[in-house]
Protein backbone atom coordinates (compact mmCIF):
# COMPACT_ATOMS: atom_id res chain seq x y z
CA MET A 1 6.25 -47.25 85.12
CA SER A 2 9.43 -47.34 87.17
CA THR A 3 9.93 -45.10 90.18
CA GLN A 4 12.39 -43.16 87.97
CA GLU A 5 9.87 -42.51 85.45
CA ASN A 6 7.22 -41.51 87.94
CA LYS A 7 9.98 -39.08 89.38
CA ALA A 8 10.39 -37.65 85.97
CA VAL A 9 6.77 -36.72 85.65
CA ILE A 10 7.09 -34.78 89.02
CA ARG A 11 10.09 -32.88 87.66
CA ARG A 12 8.09 -32.27 84.46
CA LEU A 13 5.22 -30.95 86.72
CA PHE A 14 7.52 -28.43 88.15
CA ASP A 15 9.74 -27.58 85.25
CA GLU A 16 6.91 -27.17 82.55
CA PHE A 17 3.68 -26.52 84.47
CA TYR A 18 4.58 -24.66 87.79
CA ASN A 19 7.56 -22.71 86.66
CA GLY A 20 7.33 -22.94 82.72
CA GLY A 21 3.72 -21.60 82.24
CA LYS A 22 2.85 -24.75 80.09
CA ILE A 23 -0.81 -25.22 81.66
CA ASP A 24 -1.91 -27.80 79.14
CA VAL A 25 1.00 -30.13 80.03
CA VAL A 26 -1.33 -31.20 82.78
CA ASP A 27 -3.40 -33.11 80.18
CA GLU A 28 -0.29 -35.27 79.52
CA LEU A 29 0.75 -35.85 83.16
CA PHE A 30 -2.63 -36.44 84.91
CA HIS A 31 -5.61 -38.69 84.55
CA ALA A 32 -8.51 -36.65 83.43
CA ASP A 33 -10.46 -37.74 86.62
CA CYS A 34 -7.59 -37.55 89.04
CA SER A 35 -8.34 -37.00 92.74
CA ILE A 36 -6.56 -33.95 94.61
CA HIS A 37 -6.69 -33.92 98.40
CA ASP A 38 -5.96 -30.45 99.70
CA PRO A 39 -6.51 -29.17 103.40
CA SER A 40 -7.40 -25.54 102.15
CA THR A 41 -9.75 -26.25 99.24
CA GLY A 42 -11.00 -29.82 100.19
CA ASP A 43 -11.19 -32.72 97.75
CA ARG A 44 -11.52 -32.17 94.00
CA GLU A 45 -11.62 -34.11 90.95
CA GLY A 46 -10.07 -33.76 87.60
CA ALA A 47 -7.17 -32.50 85.96
CA ALA A 48 -9.14 -29.22 84.74
CA THR A 49 -9.62 -28.26 88.47
CA PHE A 50 -5.60 -28.64 88.92
CA LYS A 51 -5.21 -25.98 85.95
CA GLU A 52 -7.85 -23.77 87.37
CA ARG A 53 -6.21 -23.57 90.74
CA HIS A 54 -2.82 -22.88 89.23
CA GLN A 55 -4.40 -20.07 87.01
CA ALA A 56 -6.08 -18.62 90.17
CA GLN A 57 -2.62 -18.87 92.03
CA LEU A 58 -0.93 -16.87 89.12
CA ALA A 59 -3.71 -14.13 89.31
CA VAL A 60 -2.74 -13.48 92.97
CA THR A 61 1.04 -14.03 92.71
CA PRO A 62 2.26 -13.50 88.99
CA ASP A 63 5.85 -14.02 90.09
CA PHE A 64 4.73 -17.52 91.48
CA HIS A 65 7.76 -20.00 91.86
CA MET A 66 7.76 -23.54 93.08
CA THR A 67 11.18 -25.33 94.11
CA LEU A 68 11.29 -29.04 94.25
CA GLU A 69 13.40 -29.56 97.35
CA ASP A 70 13.54 -33.45 97.80
CA MET A 71 11.76 -36.47 96.29
CA VAL A 72 11.57 -40.14 97.02
CA ALA A 73 9.64 -42.84 95.29
CA GLU A 74 8.46 -46.37 96.12
CA ASP A 75 5.99 -48.70 94.18
CA ASP A 76 3.20 -46.37 92.58
CA LYS A 77 3.78 -43.34 94.86
CA VAL A 78 6.24 -40.41 94.80
CA ALA A 79 6.54 -38.18 97.94
CA TYR A 80 8.08 -34.64 97.42
CA ARG A 81 8.87 -31.65 99.48
CA TRP A 82 8.39 -28.27 97.98
CA THR A 83 8.77 -24.50 98.55
CA CYS A 84 6.43 -21.89 96.99
CA ARG A 85 7.40 -18.39 96.60
CA GLY A 86 5.70 -15.30 95.27
CA THR A 87 4.49 -11.76 95.81
CA ASP A 88 0.84 -10.99 96.62
CA ASN A 89 0.58 -8.14 93.94
CA GLY A 90 -2.07 -9.50 91.62
CA ILE A 91 -5.79 -9.44 92.45
CA GLY A 92 -5.22 -9.97 96.17
CA PHE A 93 -5.30 -13.19 98.25
CA MET A 94 -8.42 -14.70 99.53
CA GLY A 95 -10.52 -11.74 98.16
CA ARG A 96 -8.47 -8.99 100.11
CA PRO A 97 -6.56 -6.11 98.39
CA PRO A 98 -2.98 -6.94 97.38
CA THR A 99 -0.45 -6.46 100.24
CA GLY A 100 2.69 -6.44 98.00
CA ILE A 101 4.24 -8.70 100.48
CA SER A 102 6.73 -11.41 99.16
CA GLY A 103 6.33 -14.58 100.95
CA ALA A 104 7.26 -18.25 100.94
CA PHE A 105 5.82 -21.31 102.53
CA SER A 106 6.63 -25.02 102.28
CA GLY A 107 4.78 -28.46 101.84
CA MET A 108 4.83 -31.86 101.05
CA THR A 109 2.63 -33.98 98.58
CA VAL A 110 2.46 -37.52 98.15
CA ALA A 111 1.32 -38.68 94.55
CA ARG A 112 0.02 -41.94 93.39
CA PHE A 113 0.58 -43.04 89.72
CA ALA A 114 -1.66 -45.26 87.53
CA GLY A 115 -0.65 -46.20 84.05
CA GLY A 116 2.13 -43.68 83.91
CA LYS A 117 0.00 -40.57 84.96
CA LEU A 118 -0.83 -38.81 88.22
CA ALA A 119 -4.04 -40.40 89.60
CA GLU A 120 -4.24 -38.99 93.10
CA LEU A 121 -2.42 -36.23 95.10
CA TRP A 122 -2.41 -35.50 98.90
CA HIS A 123 -1.08 -32.06 99.72
CA ASN A 124 0.03 -30.71 103.24
CA TYR A 125 1.53 -27.30 103.62
CA ASP A 126 2.12 -24.31 106.01
CA MET A 127 -0.82 -22.11 105.06
CA LEU A 128 -0.71 -20.58 108.67
CA GLY A 129 2.83 -19.43 107.99
CA LEU A 130 1.70 -17.84 104.81
CA LEU A 131 -1.19 -16.05 106.35
CA GLN A 132 1.13 -14.65 109.15
CA GLN A 133 3.59 -13.39 106.47
CA LEU A 134 0.87 -11.48 104.81
CA GLY A 135 -0.34 -9.94 108.01
CA PHE A 136 -3.81 -11.74 108.01
CA ILE A 137 -3.25 -13.39 111.27
CA PRO A 138 -0.77 -12.30 113.83
CA ALA A 139 2.42 -14.11 114.50
CA PRO A 140 3.02 -15.19 118.04
CA GLY A 141 4.89 -12.49 120.03
CA PRO A 142 7.96 -12.82 122.23
CA GLY A 143 7.58 -15.75 124.47
CA GLY A 144 5.29 -17.57 122.13
CA SER A 145 1.62 -18.22 122.69
């Protein structure tokens, strides 16, 4: 596939899966045995785990929304920058009671394609900033620390 076709897959991921509620579109976009590398959850295998993680996210933040900020592609890889927004008013984040706090955090992902489908993802995002927004970790005070 061309870089433009790979970028179109990423747009579908945001439009249909993250923001459109079409969980099963993952089966069209991902290899069943894809690899997902995530600093918070560790390495995972399989498109089914991607769907499960998103459903868990929606349980915590029912108003979850992802914005695709930038995207570049070369050969079989697409790198994209994103922002995630939502309110912790579902079942609570990380097993804690819901805070009712709205927050946003940003991240970047590099995706590798094989045969027109997502084969591997590497995520990196600002979990510390999110935990500070939710009040789980104190933000640095005046003068920094």
